[in-house]
PDB file of N, CA and C in Angstrom:
ATOM      1  N   UNK A   1      13.803  32.214  37.732  1.00  0.00           N
ATOM      2  CA  UNK A   1      13.823  33.422  37.877  1.00  0.00           C
ATOM      3  C   UNK A   1      13.033  34.011  37.724  1.00  0.00           C
ATOM      4  N   UNK A   2      12.564  35.294  38.346  1.00  0.00           N
ATOM      5  CA  UNK A   2      11.554  35.447  38.315  1.00  0.00           C
ATOM      6  C   UNK A   2      12.173  37.312  37.693  1.00  0.00           C
ATOM      7  N   UNK A   3      10.897  38.149  37.470  1.00  0.00           N
ATOM      8  CA  UNK A   3      11.577  39.650  37.576  1.00  0.00           C
ATOM      9  C   UNK A   3      11.004  40.188  36.409  1.00  0.00           C
ATOM     10  N   UNK A   4      11.654  41.623  35.947  1.00  0.00           N
ATOM     11  CA  UNK A   4      10.891  42.074  34.876  1.00  0.00           C
ATOM     12  C   UNK A   4      11.509  42.150  33.870  1.00  0.00           C
ATOM     13  N   UNK A   5      11.562  42.066  32.326  1.00  0.00           N
ATOM     14  CA  UNK A   5      12.337  42.441  31.172  1.00  0.00           C
ATOM     15  C   UNK A   5      12.370  43.485  30.842  1.00  0.00           C
ATOM     16  N   UNK A   6      13.314  44.378  30.360  1.00  0.00           N
ATOM     17  CA  UNK A   6      13.552  45.698  30.433  1.00  0.00           C
ATOM     18  C   UNK A   6      14.019  45.871  28.823  1.00  0.00           C
ATOM     19  N   UNK A   7      13.901  46.723  28.145  1.00  0.00           N
ATOM     20  CA  UNK A   7      13.972  46.970  26.643  1.00  0.00           C
ATOM     21  C   UNK A   7      14.476  48.335  26.614  1.00  0.00           C
ATOM     22  N   UNK A   8      15.873  48.659  26.879  1.00  0.00           N
ATOM     23  CA  UNK A   8      16.581  49.928  26.794  1.00  0.00           C
ATOM     24  C   UNK A   8      17.578  49.837  25.697  1.00  0.00           C
ATOM     25  N   UNK A   9      17.720  50.807  24.880  1.00  0.00           N
ATOM     26  CA  UNK A   9      18.726  51.082  24.018  1.00  0.00           C
ATOM     27  C   UNK A   9      19.095  50.140  22.937  1.00  0.00           C
ATOM     28  N   UNK A  10      17.651  49.235  22.364  1.00  0.00           N
ATOM     29  CA  UNK A  10      18.108  48.206  21.618  1.00  0.00           C
ATOM     30  C   UNK A  10      19.028  46.823  22.386  1.00  0.00           C
ATOM     31  N   UNK A  11      18.875  46.811  23.695  1.00  0.00           N
ATOM     32  CA  UNK A  11      19.242  45.660  24.814  1.00  0.00           C
ATOM     33  C   UNK A  11      17.627  44.916  25.442  1.00  0.00           C
ATOM     34  N   UNK A  12      17.546  44.040  25.414  1.00  0.00           N
ATOM     35  CA  UNK A  12      17.137  43.113  26.295  1.00  0.00           C
ATOM     36  C   UNK A  12      17.288  42.339  27.501  1.00  0.00           C
ATOM     37  N   UNK A  13      16.826  42.923  28.802  1.00  0.00           N
ATOM     38  CA  UNK A  13      17.755  42.110  29.878  1.00  0.00           C
ATOM     39  C   UNK A  13      16.338  41.818  30.931  1.00  0.00           C
ATOM     40  N   UNK A  14      17.103  41.044  31.855  1.00  0.00           N
ATOM     41  CA  UNK A  14      15.775  40.596  33.267  1.00  0.00           C
ATOM     42  C   UNK A  14      16.227  41.545  34.035  1.00  0.00           C
ATOM     43  N   UNK A  15      15.197  42.281  34.772  1.00  0.00           N
ATOM     44  CA  UNK A  15      15.834  43.170  36.387  1.00  0.00           C
ATOM     45  C   UNK A  15      15.520  42.164  37.105  1.00  0.00           C
ATOM     46  N   UNK A  16      16.009  41.220  37.670  1.00  0.00           N
ATOM     47  CA  UNK A  16      15.889  39.942  38.646  1.00  0.00           C
ATOM     48  C   UNK A  16      15.483  41.050  39.959  1.00  0.00           C
ATOM     49  N   UNK A  17      13.924  39.785  40.729  1.00  0.00           N
ATOM     50  CA  UNK A  17      13.376  40.715  41.942  1.00  0.00           C
ATOM     51  C   UNK A  17      14.494  39.801  43.072  1.00  0.00           C
ATOM     52  N   UNK A  18      14.733  40.651  44.104  1.00  0.00           N
ATOM     53  CA  UNK A  18      15.560  40.559  45.123  1.00  0.00           C
ATOM     54  C   UNK A  18      14.585  39.799  45.943  1.00  0.00           C
ATOM     55  N   UNK A  19      14.667  38.802  46.952  1.00  0.00           N
ATOM     56  CA  UNK A  19      14.501  38.210  48.265  1.00  0.00           C
ATOM     57  C   UNK A  19      12.902  39.068  48.286  1.00  0.00           C
ATOM     58  N   UNK A  20      13.395  40.234  49.141  1.00  0.00           N
ATOM     59  CA  UNK A  20      12.212  41.240  49.352  1.00  0.00           C
ATOM     60  C   UNK A  20      11.108  40.977  48.478  1.00  0.00           C
ATOM     61  N   UNK A  21      11.390  41.265  47.511  1.00  0.00           N
ATOM     62  CA  UNK A  21      10.122  41.561  46.473  1.00  0.00           C
ATOM     63  C   UNK A  21       9.699  40.210  45.604  1.00  0.00           C
ATOM     64  N   UNK A  22      10.835  39.417  46.195  1.00  0.00           N
ATOM     65  CA  UNK A  22       9.931  37.599  45.914  1.00  0.00           C
ATOM     66  C   UNK A  22       9.340  37.006  46.442  1.00  0.00           C
ATOM     67  N   UNK A  23       9.280  37.489  47.524  1.00  0.00           N
ATOM     68  CA  UNK A  23       8.559  36.665  49.150  1.00  0.00           C
ATOM     69  C   UNK A  23       9.706  36.281  49.992  1.00  0.00           C
ATOM     70  N   UNK A  24       9.031  34.730  50.016  1.00  0.00           N
ATOM     71  CA  UNK A  24       9.955  33.786  50.662  1.00  0.00           C
ATOM     72  C   UNK A  24      10.748  33.236  49.768  1.00  0.00           C
ATOM     73  N   UNK A  25      10.807  33.071  48.370  1.00  0.00           N
ATOM     74  CA  UNK A  25      11.989  32.415  47.500  1.00  0.00           C
ATOM     75  C   UNK A  25      13.039  32.810  47.632  1.00  0.00           C
ATOM     76  N   UNK A  26      14.062  32.381  47.977  1.00  0.00           N
ATOM     77  CA  UNK A  26      15.152  32.609  47.753  1.00  0.00           C
ATOM     78  C   UNK A  26      16.180  33.004  46.680  1.00  0.00           C
ATOM     79  N   UNK A  27      16.714  34.372  46.517  1.00  0.00           N
ATOM     80  CA  UNK A  27      17.882  34.518  45.181  1.00  0.00           C
ATOM     81  C   UNK A  27      18.601  33.732  44.653  1.00  0.00           C
ATOM     82  N   UNK A  28      18.351  33.495  43.305  1.00  0.00           N
ATOM     83  CA  UNK A  28      19.579  32.563  42.732  1.00  0.00           C
ATOM     84  C   UNK A  28      21.009  33.165  43.160  1.00  0.00           C
ATOM     85  N   UNK A  29      22.054  32.177  43.075  1.00  0.00           N
ATOM     86  CA  UNK A  29      23.380  32.271  43.256  1.00  0.00           C
ATOM     87  C   UNK A  29      23.683  32.779  41.964  1.00  0.00           C
ATOM     88  N   UNK A  30      25.179  33.486  42.132  1.00  0.00           N
ATOM     89  CA  UNK A  30      26.123  33.827  41.326  1.00  0.00           C
ATOM     90  C   UNK A  30      26.307  32.858  40.234  1.00  0.00           C
ATOM     91  N   UNK A  31      26.110  33.054  39.113  1.00  0.00           N
ATOM     92  CA  UNK A  31      26.491  31.885  37.983  1.00  0.00           C
ATOM     93  C   UNK A  31      27.996  32.066  37.293  1.00  0.00           C
ATOM     94  N   UNK A  32      28.246  31.022  36.694  1.00  0.00           N
ATOM     95  CA  UNK A  32      29.688  31.551  35.463  1.00  0.00           C
ATOM     96  C   UNK A  32      29.738  30.533  34.304  1.00  0.00           C
ATOM     97  N   UNK A  33      30.310  31.209  33.538  1.00  0.00           N
ATOM     98  CA  UNK A  33      30.379  30.744  32.284  1.00  0.00           C
ATOM     99  C   UNK A  33      31.564  30.159  31.792  1.00  0.00           C
ATOM    100  N   UNK A  34      31.316  28.416  31.426  1.00  0.00           N
ATOM    101  CA  UNK A  34      32.649  27.859  31.576  1.00  0.00           C
ATOM    102  C   UNK A  34      32.908  27.657  29.550  1.00  0.00           C
ATOM    103  N   UNK A  35      33.931  27.470  29.305  1.00  0.00           N
ATOM    104  CA  UNK A  35      34.338  27.309  27.939  1.00  0.00           C
ATOM    105  C   UNK A  35      34.259  25.973  28.058  1.00  0.00           C
ATOM    106  N   UNK A  36      33.678  24.737  27.650  1.00  0.00           N
ATOM    107  CA  UNK A  36      33.440  23.579  27.583  1.00  0.00           C
ATOM    108  C   UNK A  36      34.778  22.250  26.934  1.00  0.00           C
ATOM    109  N   UNK A  37      35.246  23.090  26.144  1.00  0.00           N
ATOM    110  CA  UNK A  37      36.419  22.408  25.641  1.00  0.00           C
ATOM    111  C   UNK A  37      37.724  22.375  26.123  1.00  0.00           C
ATOM    112  N   UNK A  38      38.145  23.569  26.922  1.00  0.00           N
ATOM    113  CA  UNK A  38      39.032  23.832  27.745  1.00  0.00           C
ATOM    114  C   UNK A  38      38.882  23.654  29.107  1.00  0.00           C
ATOM    115  N   UNK A  39      37.220  23.911  29.531  1.00  0.00           N
ATOM    116  CA  UNK A  39      37.149  23.376  31.163  1.00  0.00           C
ATOM    117  C   UNK A  39      37.184  24.905  31.759  1.00  0.00           C
ATOM    118  N   UNK A  40      37.799  25.952  31.290  1.00  0.00           N
ATOM    119  CA  UNK A  40      38.393  26.931  31.930  1.00  0.00           C
ATOM    120  C   UNK A  40      36.747  27.991  32.223  1.00  0.00           C
ATOM    121  N   UNK A  41      36.992  28.563  33.285  1.00  0.00           N
ATOM    122  CA  UNK A  41      35.840  29.465  33.426  1.00  0.00           C
ATOM    123  C   UNK A  41      36.068  30.940  32.839  1.00  0.00           C
ATOM    124  N   UNK A  42      35.261  31.355  31.883  1.00  0.00           N
ATOM    125  CA  UNK A  42      35.601  32.999  31.641  1.00  0.00           C
ATOM    126  C   UNK A  42      34.921  33.747  32.208  1.00  0.00           C
ATOM    127  N   UNK A  43      36.088  34.567  32.587  1.00  0.00           N
ATOM    128  CA  UNK A  43      36.383  35.623  33.656  1.00  0.00           C
ATOM    129  C   UNK A  43      36.615  37.043  33.317  1.00  0.00           C
ATOM    130  N   UNK A  44      36.612  37.501  31.766  1.00  0.00           N
ATOM    131  CA  UNK A  44      36.959  38.396  31.222  1.00  0.00           C
ATOM    132  C   UNK A  44      36.577  38.540  30.116  1.00  0.00           C
ATOM    133  N   UNK A  45      35.914  39.944  29.355  1.00  0.00           N
ATOM    134  CA  UNK A  45      36.211  39.909  27.784  1.00  0.00           C
ATOM    135  C   UNK A  45      36.900  39.560  27.200  1.00  0.00           C
ATOM    136  N   UNK A  46      38.429  39.969  27.321  1.00  0.00           N
ATOM    137  CA  UNK A  46      39.327  39.082  26.858  1.00  0.00           C
ATOM    138  C   UNK A  46      39.637  37.793  26.172  1.00  0.00           C
ATOM    139  N   UNK A  47      39.199  36.830  27.773  1.00  0.00           N
ATOM    140  CA  UNK A  47      39.249  35.368  27.462  1.00  0.00           C
ATOM    141  C   UNK A  47      37.512  35.156  26.747  1.00  0.00           C
ATOM    142  N   UNK A  48      36.766  35.425  26.654  1.00  0.00           N
ATOM    143  CA  UNK A  48      35.580  35.347  26.011  1.00  0.00           C
ATOM    144  C   UNK A  48      35.804  35.602  24.411  1.00  0.00           C
ATOM    145  N   UNK A  49      36.475  36.989  24.079  1.00  0.00           N
ATOM    146  CA  UNK A  49      37.052  37.290  22.875  1.00  0.00           C
ATOM    147  C   UNK A  49      37.589  35.911  22.035  1.00  0.00           C
ATOM    148  N   UNK A  50      38.203  35.597  22.904  1.00  0.00           N
ATOM    149  CA  UNK A  50      39.480  34.541  22.396  1.00  0.00           C
ATOM    150  C   UNK A  50      38.838  33.154  22.009  1.00  0.00           C
ATOM    151  N   UNK A  51      38.172  33.217  23.027  1.00  0.00           N
ATOM    152  CA  UNK A  51      36.827  31.371  22.460  1.00  0.00           C
ATOM    153  C   UNK A  51      36.209  32.006  21.637  1.00  0.00           C
ATOM    154  N   UNK A  52      35.586  33.179  21.463  1.00  0.00           N
ATOM    155  CA  UNK A  52      34.388  33.519  20.639  1.00  0.00           C
ATOM    156  C   UNK A  52      35.170  33.383  18.815  1.00  0.00           C
ATOM    157  N   UNK A  53      36.509  34.093  18.897  1.00  0.00           N
ATOM    158  CA  UNK A  53      37.073  34.065  17.829  1.00  0.00           C
ATOM    159  C   UNK A  53      37.053  32.871  16.943  1.00  0.00           C
ATOM    160  N   UNK A  54      37.420  31.891  17.801  1.00  0.00           N
ATOM    161  CA  UNK A  54      38.038  30.483  17.028  1.00  0.00           C
ATOM    162  C   UNK A  54      36.681  29.921  16.685  1.00  0.00           C
ATOM    163  N   UNK A  55      35.475  30.497  17.142  1.00  0.00           N
ATOM    164  CA  UNK A  55      34.295  29.741  16.537  1.00  0.00           C
ATOM    165  C   UNK A  55      33.612  30.975  15.393  1.00  0.00           C
ATOM    166  N   UNK A  56      34.345  31.741  14.792  1.00  0.00           N
ATOM    167  CA  UNK A  56      33.996  32.229  13.784  1.00  0.00           C
ATOM    168  C   UNK A  56      33.312  34.146  13.904  1.00  0.00           C
ATOM    169  N   UNK A  57      33.413  34.259  15.485  1.00  0.00           N
ATOM    170  CA  UNK A  57      32.797  35.572  15.800  1.00  0.00           C
ATOM    171  C   UNK A  57      33.821  37.088  15.678  1.00  0.00           C
ATOM    172  N   UNK A  58      33.399  37.846  15.207  1.00  0.00           N
ATOM    173  CA  UNK A  58      33.963  39.216  15.355  1.00  0.00           C
ATOM    174  C   UNK A  58      33.210  39.988  16.310  1.00  0.00           C
ATOM    175  N   UNK A  59      33.976  41.334  16.654  1.00  0.00           N
ATOM    176  CA  UNK A  59      33.782  41.805  17.580  1.00  0.00           C
ATOM    177  C   UNK A  59      33.533  43.426  16.958  1.00  0.00           C
ATOM    178  N   UNK A  60      32.257  43.776  17.401  1.00  0.00           N
ATOM    179  CA  UNK A  60      32.135  45.539  16.807  1.00  0.00           C
ATOM    180  C   UNK A  60      32.401  46.082  17.919  1.00  0.00           C
ATOM    181  N   UNK A  61      33.003  47.728  17.500  1.00  0.00           N
ATOM    182  CA  UNK A  61      33.639  48.586  18.653  1.00  0.00           C
ATOM    183  C   UNK A  61      32.897  49.737  18.503  1.00  0.00           C
ATOM    184  N   UNK A  62      31.491  49.540  17.994  1.00  0.00           N
ATOM    185  CA  UNK A  62      30.814  50.609  17.926  1.00  0.00           C
ATOM    186  C   UNK A  62      29.947  51.590  18.862  1.00  0.00           C
ATOM    187  N   UNK A  63      29.687  50.634  19.860  1.00  0.00           N
ATOM    188  CA  UNK A  63      29.039  51.314  21.270  1.00  0.00           C
ATOM    189  C   UNK A  63      30.136  51.181  22.495  1.00  0.00           C
ATOM    190  N   UNK A  64      30.775  52.203  23.213  1.00  0.00           N
ATOM    191  CA  UNK A  64      31.723  52.084  24.069  1.00  0.00           C
ATOM    192  C   UNK A  64      30.484  51.381  25.414  1.00  0.00           C
ATOM    193  N   UNK A  65      29.218  51.290  25.477  1.00  0.00           N
ATOM    194  CA  UNK A  65      28.537  51.035  26.699  1.00  0.00           C
ATOM    195  C   UNK A  65      28.428  49.426  26.521  1.00  0.00           C
ATOM    196  N   UNK A  66      28.805  48.717  25.495  1.00  0.00           N
ATOM    197  CA  UNK A  66      28.329  47.630  25.029  1.00  0.00           C
ATOM    198  C   UNK A  66      29.846  46.903  24.516  1.00  0.00           C
ATOM    199  N   UNK A  67      29.650  45.284  24.979  1.00  0.00           N
ATOM    200  CA  UNK A  67      30.777  44.669  23.859  1.00  0.00           C
ATOM    201  C   UNK A  67      29.652  43.833  23.005  1.00  0.00           C
ATOM    202  N   UNK A  68      30.161  43.975  21.733  1.00  0.00           N
ATOM    203  CA  UNK A  68      28.895  42.640  21.047  1.00  0.00           C
ATOM    204  C   UNK A  68      29.884  42.282  20.070  1.00  0.00           C
ATOM    205  N   UNK A  69      29.458  41.070  20.203  1.00  0.00           N
ATOM    206  CA  UNK A  69      29.791  39.934  18.821  1.00  0.00           C
ATOM    207  C   UNK A  69      29.145  39.848  17.918  1.00  0.00           C
ATOM    208  N   UNK A  70      29.358  39.565  16.322  1.00  0.00           N
ATOM    209  CA  UNK A  70      28.138  38.858  15.252  1.00  0.00           C
ATOM    210  C   UNK A  70      29.504  37.850  14.390  1.00  0.00           C
ATOM    211  N   UNK A  71      28.462  36.899  14.223  1.00  0.00           N
ATOM    212  CA  UNK A  71      29.258  35.749  13.196  1.00  0.00           C
ATOM    213  C   UNK A  71      28.560  36.122  11.952  1.00  0.00           C
ATOM    214  N   UNK A  72      29.362  36.688  10.861  1.00  0.00           N
ATOM    215  CA  UNK A  72      29.166  36.296   9.484  1.00  0.00           C
ATOM    216  C   UNK A  72      27.986  35.641   8.708  1.00  0.00           C
ATOM    217  N   UNK A  73      28.492  34.502   9.170  1.00  0.00           N
ATOM    218  CA  UNK A  73      27.109  33.186   9.016  1.00  0.00           C
ATOM    219  C   UNK A  73      25.904  33.424   9.508  1.00  0.00           C
ATOM    220  N   UNK A  74      25.614  34.239   9.915  1.00  0.00           N
ATOM    221  CA  UNK A  74      24.232  34.420  10.803  1.00  0.00           C
ATOM    222  C   UNK A  74      23.694  35.734  11.042  1.00  0.00           C
ATOM    223  N   UNK A  75      22.846  35.831  11.371  1.00  0.00           N
ATOM    224  CA  UNK A  75      21.893  36.918  12.040  1.00  0.00           C
ATOM    225  C   UNK A  75      22.505  36.841  13.698  1.00  0.00           C
ATOM    226  N   UNK A  76      22.922  36.285  14.300  1.00  0.00           N
ATOM    227  CA  UNK A  76      23.199  36.258  15.829  1.00  0.00           C
ATOM    228  C   UNK A  76      23.912  37.391  16.087  1.00  0.00           C
ATOM    229  N   UNK A  77      23.532  38.072  17.654  1.00  0.00           N
ATOM    230  CA  UNK A  77      24.511  39.124  17.655  1.00  0.00           C
ATOM    231  C   UNK A  77      24.128  38.921  19.349  1.00  0.00           C
ATOM    232  N   UNK A  78      25.573  39.005  19.861  1.00  0.00           N
ATOM    233  CA  UNK A  78      25.607  38.792  21.020  1.00  0.00           C
ATOM    234  C   UNK A  78      26.064  40.410  21.782  1.00  0.00           C
ATOM    235  N   UNK A  79      25.077  40.653  22.282  1.00  0.00           N
ATOM    236  CA  UNK A  79      25.452  41.878  23.468  1.00  0.00           C
ATOM    237  C   UNK A  79      25.896  42.240  24.892  1.00  0.00           C
ATOM    238  N   UNK A  80      26.930  42.570  25.286  1.00  0.00           N
ATOM    239  CA  UNK A  80      27.358  42.217  26.689  1.00  0.00           C
ATOM    240  C   UNK A  80      27.590  43.791  27.332  1.00  0.00           C
ATOM    241  N   UNK A  81      27.494  43.963  28.301  1.00  0.00           N
ATOM    242  CA  UNK A  81      27.710  45.702  29.093  1.00  0.00           C
ATOM    243  C   UNK A  81      29.227  45.399  28.958  1.00  0.00           C
ATOM    244  N   UNK A  82      29.827  46.788  29.033  1.00  0.00           N
ATOM    245  CA  UNK A  82      31.175  46.721  28.713  1.00  0.00           C
ATOM    246  C   UNK A  82      31.686  46.405  30.228  1.00  0.00           C
ATOM    247  N   UNK A  83      31.429  46.347  31.362  1.00  0.00           N
ATOM    248  CA  UNK A  83      32.086  46.201  32.368  1.00  0.00           C
ATOM    249  C   UNK A  83      31.395  44.215  32.851  1.00  0.00           C
ATOM    250  N   UNK A  84      32.413  44.208  32.859  1.00  0.00           N
ATOM    251  CA  UNK A  84      32.107  42.126  32.541  1.00  0.00           C
ATOM    252  C   UNK A  84      31.867  41.731  33.881  1.00  0.00           C
ATOM    253  N   UNK A  85      31.569  42.503  34.797  1.00  0.00           N
ATOM    254  CA  UNK A  85      31.346  42.042  36.476  1.00  0.00           C
ATOM    255  C   UNK A  85      29.277  42.634  36.309  1.00  0.00           C
ATOM    256  N   UNK A  86      29.408  43.206  35.355  1.00  0.00           N
ATOM    257  CA  UNK A  86      27.558  42.851  35.410  1.00  0.00           C
ATOM    258  C   UNK A  86      27.359  42.203  33.936  1.00  0.00           C
ATOM    259  N   UNK A  87      27.632  41.170  33.716  1.00  0.00           N
ATOM    260  CA  UNK A  87      27.482  40.119  32.922  1.00  0.00           C
ATOM    261  C   UNK A  87      26.747  38.949  33.979  1.00  0.00           C
ATOM    262  N   UNK A  88      25.294  39.138  33.232  1.00  0.00           N
ATOM    263  CA  UNK A  88      24.466  37.976  34.434  1.00  0.00           C
ATOM    264  C   UNK A  88      23.864  36.975  33.797  1.00  0.00           C
ATOM    265  N   UNK A  89      23.447  36.362  34.641  1.00  0.00           N
ATOM    266  CA  UNK A  89      23.265  34.760  33.625  1.00  0.00           C
ATOM    267  C   UNK A  89      21.836  34.962  32.503  1.00  0.00           C
ATOM    268  N   UNK A  90      21.322  35.777  32.104  1.00  0.00           N
ATOM    269  CA  UNK A  90      20.971  36.492  30.665  1.00  0.00           C
ATOM    270  C   UNK A  90      21.439  36.195  29.982  1.00  0.00           C
ATOM    271  N   UNK A  91      22.928  37.264  30.126  1.00  0.00           N
ATOM    272  CA  UNK A  91      23.589  37.333  28.694  1.00  0.00           C
ATOM    273  C   UNK A  91      24.433  35.820  28.714  1.00  0.00           C
ATOM    274  N   UNK A  92      24.818  34.918  29.777  1.00  0.00           N
ATOM    275  CA  UNK A  92      25.910  34.020  29.824  1.00  0.00           C
ATOM    276  C   UNK A  92      24.569  32.761  29.075  1.00  0.00           C
ATOM    277  N   UNK A  93      23.429  32.904  29.336  1.00  0.00           N
ATOM    278  CA  UNK A  93      22.964  31.932  28.355  1.00  0.00           C
ATOM    279  C   UNK A  93      22.731  32.349  27.169  1.00  0.00           C
ATOM    280  N   UNK A  94      22.594  33.218  26.821  1.00  0.00           N
ATOM    281  CA  UNK A  94      22.316  33.894  25.394  1.00  0.00           C
ATOM    282  C   UNK A  94      23.775  33.279  24.504  1.00  0.00           C
ATOM    283  N   UNK A  95      24.873  33.557  25.354  1.00  0.00           N
ATOM    284  CA  UNK A  95      26.081  32.881  24.897  1.00  0.00           C
ATOM    285  C   UNK A  95      25.846  31.743  24.511  1.00  0.00           C
ATOM    286  N   UNK A  96      25.278  30.637  25.683  1.00  0.00           N
ATOM    287  CA  UNK A  96      25.397  29.283  25.660  1.00  0.00           C
ATOM    288  C   UNK A  96      24.218  28.524  24.472  1.00  0.00           C
ATOM    289  N   UNK A  97      22.884  29.331  24.274  1.00  0.00           N
ATOM    290  CA  UNK A  97      22.165  29.288  23.293  1.00  0.00           C
ATOM    291  C   UNK A  97      22.844  29.153  21.824  1.00  0.00           C
ATOM    292  N   UNK A  98      23.791  30.332  21.666  1.00  0.00           N
ATOM    293  CA  UNK A  98      24.266  30.427  20.227  1.00  0.00           C
ATOM    294  C   UNK A  98      25.641  29.685  19.866  1.00  0.00           C
ATOM    295  N   UNK A  99      25.838  29.237  21.181  1.00  0.00           N
ATOM    296  CA  UNK A  99      27.639  28.272  20.969  1.00  0.00           C
ATOM    297  C   UNK A  99      27.378  26.842  21.676  1.00  0.00           C
ATOM    298  N   UNK A 100      26.038  26.054  21.489  1.00  0.00           N
ATOM    299  CA  UNK A 100      25.635  25.064  22.366  1.00  0.00           C
ATOM    300  C   UNK A 100      26.719  24.081  22.521  1.00  0.00           C
ATOM    301  N   UNK A 101      27.807  23.703  22.018  1.00  0.00           N
ATOM    302  CA  UNK A 101      28.553  22.830  22.443  1.00  0.00           C
ATOM    303  C   UNK A 101      29.664  23.263  22.784  1.00  0.00           C
ATOM    304  N   UNK A 102      30.046  24.297  23.086  1.00  0.00           N
ATOM    305  CA  UNK A 102      31.311  25.196  23.359  1.00  0.00           C
ATOM    306  C   UNK A 102      31.065  25.815  24.808  1.00  0.00           C
ATOM    307  N   UNK A 103      30.216  26.161  25.331  1.00  0.00           N
ATOM    308  CA  UNK A 103      29.781  26.619  26.349  1.00  0.00           C
ATOM    309  C   UNK A 103      28.741  26.400  27.380  1.00  0.00           C
ATOM    310  N   UNK A 104      28.809  26.644  28.517  1.00  0.00           N
ATOM    311  CA  UNK A 104      27.852  26.018  29.506  1.00  0.00           C
ATOM    312  C   UNK A 104      27.666  27.023  30.740  1.00  0.00           C
ATOM    313  N   UNK A 105      26.733  27.273  31.576  1.00  0.00           N
ATOM    314  CA  UNK A 105      27.121  27.740  32.734  1.00  0.00           C
ATOM    315  C   UNK A 105      26.681  27.109  34.031  1.00  0.00           C
ATOM    316  N   UNK A 106      27.246  27.211  34.821  1.00  0.00           N
ATOM    317  CA  UNK A 106      27.371  27.065  36.478  1.00  0.00           C
ATOM    318  C   UNK A 106      27.501  27.631  37.386  1.00  0.00           C
ATOM    319  N   UNK A 107      26.863  27.171  38.834  1.00  0.00           N
ATOM    320  CA  UNK A 107      26.976  27.867  39.635  1.00  0.00           C
ATOM    321  C   UNK A 107      28.124  28.321  39.931  1.00  0.00           C
ATOM    322  N   UNK A 108      28.602  29.767  40.400  1.00  0.00           N
ATOM    323  CA  UNK A 108      29.265  29.910  40.743  1.00  0.00           C
ATOM    324  C   UNK A 108      30.027  29.510  41.823  1.00  0.00           C
ATOM    325  N   UNK A 109      31.048  28.985  42.531  1.00  0.00           N
ATOM    326  CA  UNK A 109      31.607  28.617  43.789  1.00  0.00           C
ATOM    327  C   UNK A 109      31.864  30.347  44.638  1.00  0.00           C
TER     328      UNK A 109
END
């Protein structure tokens, strides 16, 4: 994964290079977030919220441009774009790192 990190409005994201920008290296394929205990692919904010609530995460409703979750027992914060279609691999891996035994990222079919 190559690109440039951008910090905007308190959110860090990776702007990935396209094939033309990266040279001959092909772009990585689409990724999918999978809830490991159920084996289900997480395809919406509602599905993700259900999974995270079971793990003690609470949703913040302060910023309409973001969907954010916080766990009172830690300083962790998960920030996602309000449009689930814009959730990328970096967002998914952030969820995995903060919930290691409950989520994984796979190549989407």
